Amino acid sequence: MSDSSLTLETFFSGHEDARQLFESVRRLIETIGPAEIRVSKSQIAFRRRTVFALVWMPGQYLRGKIAPLALTIQLRRRDVSPRWKEVVEPSPGRYTHHLELYSIDDSDGEVGAWLQEAYTAAG
């Protein structure tokens, strides 16, 4: 559930590196089309009719060498790219792909293509 008092500023407070990575993802999505952004305590969702992508900070949950930001993309197929940290099928025909983001260069054309696919399916 989204808390309307949460903003991008409060979500990323003290995490400027993660905020910059978020902005690179948001720019990619904006080139595809309009999407609603919902901020909650644990993640930021991008949605059309349904959620198609999420970003979250692994450091809220994990310790050690971790990415400043993770991008989760919902696809209707399992993508086999070695870039994914993890791919799970929470329900038949719905695949959740987790990608670690370390630099803005990680938000490249390949990620844009995955976001386009997810965006189209969420329409």
Protein backbone atom coordinates (compact mmCIF):
# COMPACT_ATOMS: atom_id res chain seq x y z
CA MET A 1 0.00 0.00 0.00
CA SER A 2 1.26 3.44 -0.85
CA ASP A 3 1.60 6.14 1.79
CA SER A 4 0.70 9.46 0.17
CA SER A 5 3.08 11.29 2.51
CA LEU A 6 6.10 9.49 1.05
CA THR A 7 8.00 11.35 -1.62
CA LEU A 8 11.01 10.57 -3.76
CA GLU A 9 12.99 12.93 -1.52
CA THR A 10 12.12 11.03 1.65
CA PHE A 11 12.62 7.63 -0.01
CA PHE A 12 16.12 8.54 -1.20
CA SER A 13 17.14 10.67 1.79
CA GLY A 14 20.85 9.98 2.38
CA HIS A 15 21.14 7.79 -0.72
CA GLU A 16 22.14 10.15 -3.53
CA ASP A 17 23.81 7.33 -5.49
CA ALA A 18 20.55 5.38 -5.56
CA ARG A 19 18.62 8.54 -6.51
CA GLN A 20 20.86 9.10 -9.54
CA LEU A 21 20.31 5.50 -10.65
CA PHE A 22 16.56 5.94 -10.19
CA GLU A 23 16.63 9.03 -12.39
CA SER A 24 18.38 7.08 -15.15
CA VAL A 25 15.61 4.45 -15.02
CA ARG A 26 12.90 7.11 -14.94
CA ARG A 27 14.39 8.79 -18.02
CA LEU A 28 14.30 5.48 -19.90
CA ILE A 29 10.65 4.97 -18.97
CA GLU A 30 9.76 8.53 -19.96
CA THR A 31 11.06 7.84 -23.47
CA ILE A 32 8.59 4.94 -23.71
CA GLY A 33 5.50 6.74 -22.46
CA PRO A 34 3.65 8.07 -19.42
CA ALA A 35 3.63 6.02 -16.24
CA GLU A 36 2.31 6.58 -12.76
CA ILE A 37 4.90 6.55 -9.97
CA ARG A 38 3.90 5.24 -6.54
CA VAL A 39 6.29 5.59 -3.61
CA SER A 40 6.02 3.27 -0.62
CA LYS A 41 8.39 2.61 2.30
CA SER A 42 10.10 -0.27 0.54
CA GLN A 43 9.93 0.50 -3.19
CA ILE A 44 8.90 2.78 -6.01
CA ALA A 45 6.48 1.32 -8.53
CA PHE A 46 6.01 2.33 -12.15
CA ARG A 47 2.57 1.43 -13.44
CA ARG A 48 0.07 1.76 -16.21
CA ARG A 49 -2.99 -0.44 -15.70
CA THR A 50 -0.71 -2.72 -13.67
CA VAL A 51 2.80 -2.44 -12.23
CA PHE A 52 5.49 -3.15 -14.81
CA ALA A 53 8.65 -2.12 -12.98
CA LEU A 54 9.87 -1.40 -9.46
CA VAL A 55 13.02 0.03 -7.97
CA TRP A 56 14.20 -0.62 -4.44
CA MET A 57 17.36 -0.28 -2.36
CA PRO A 58 18.83 -3.66 -1.43
CA GLY A 59 20.72 -2.00 1.43
CA GLN A 60 17.43 -1.77 3.32
CA TYR A 61 17.43 -5.57 3.57
CA LEU A 62 20.92 -6.93 2.87
CA ARG A 63 24.45 -6.35 4.12
CA GLY A 64 27.81 -6.69 2.38
CA LYS A 65 28.68 -5.66 -1.17
CA ILE A 66 25.32 -4.74 -2.62
CA ALA A 67 24.04 -2.59 -5.44
CA PRO A 68 22.77 0.87 -4.51
CA LEU A 69 19.54 0.17 -6.43
CA ALA A 70 17.73 -2.84 -7.83
CA LEU A 71 15.32 -2.75 -10.75
CA THR A 72 12.56 -5.33 -10.94
CA ILE A 73 10.85 -5.79 -14.29
CA GLN A 74 7.68 -7.83 -14.83
CA LEU A 75 7.70 -9.83 -18.07
CA ARG A 76 5.37 -12.50 -19.46
CA ARG A 77 8.34 -14.67 -20.32
CA ARG A 78 11.60 -15.74 -18.70
CA ASP A 79 14.45 -13.72 -20.18
CA VAL A 80 17.73 -15.64 -20.20
CA SER A 81 20.16 -12.72 -20.06
CA PRO A 82 23.06 -13.32 -17.65
CA ARG A 83 22.57 -9.74 -16.39
CA TRP A 84 19.67 -10.76 -14.14
CA LYS A 85 20.50 -11.29 -10.48
CA GLU A 86 17.40 -13.47 -10.11
CA VAL A 87 14.35 -14.49 -12.13
CA VAL A 88 11.28 -15.99 -10.43
CA GLU A 89 7.85 -17.06 -11.65
CA PRO A 90 5.46 -16.00 -8.84
CA SER A 91 2.45 -17.12 -10.88
CA PRO A 92 2.11 -18.99 -14.17
CA GLY A 93 3.21 -16.85 -17.10
CA ARG A 94 4.41 -13.93 -14.94
CA TYR A 95 8.16 -13.60 -14.47
CA THR A 96 9.83 -11.19 -12.07
CA HIS A 97 13.35 -10.23 -13.18
CA HIS A 98 15.74 -8.55 -10.72
CA LEU A 99 18.64 -6.46 -12.00
CA GLU A 100 21.30 -4.81 -9.85
CA LEU A 101 22.19 -1.25 -10.82
CA TYR A 102 25.66 0.03 -9.91
CA SER A 103 26.09 2.88 -12.40
CA ILE A 104 23.93 4.93 -14.74
CA ASP A 105 25.54 3.01 -17.60
CA ASP A 106 23.58 -0.04 -16.39
CA SER A 107 20.40 1.68 -17.65
CA ASP A 108 21.24 0.98 -21.28
CA GLY A 109 19.38 0.06 -24.44
CA GLU A 110 18.91 -3.54 -23.39
CA VAL A 111 17.21 -2.42 -20.17
CA GLY A 112 15.15 0.03 -22.22
CA ALA A 113 13.94 -2.82 -24.43
CA TRP A 114 12.92 -4.88 -21.39
CA LEU A 115 11.10 -1.87 -19.94
CA GLN A 116 9.33 -1.30 -23.28
CA GLU A 117 8.16 -4.92 -23.31
CA ALA A 118 6.91 -4.70 -19.72
CA TYR A 119 5.29 -1.29 -20.33
CA THR A 120 3.39 -2.58 -23.36
CA ALA A 121 2.16 -5.66 -21.46
CA ALA A 122 0.96 -3.48 -18.54
CA GLY A 123 -1.20 -1.25 -20.77
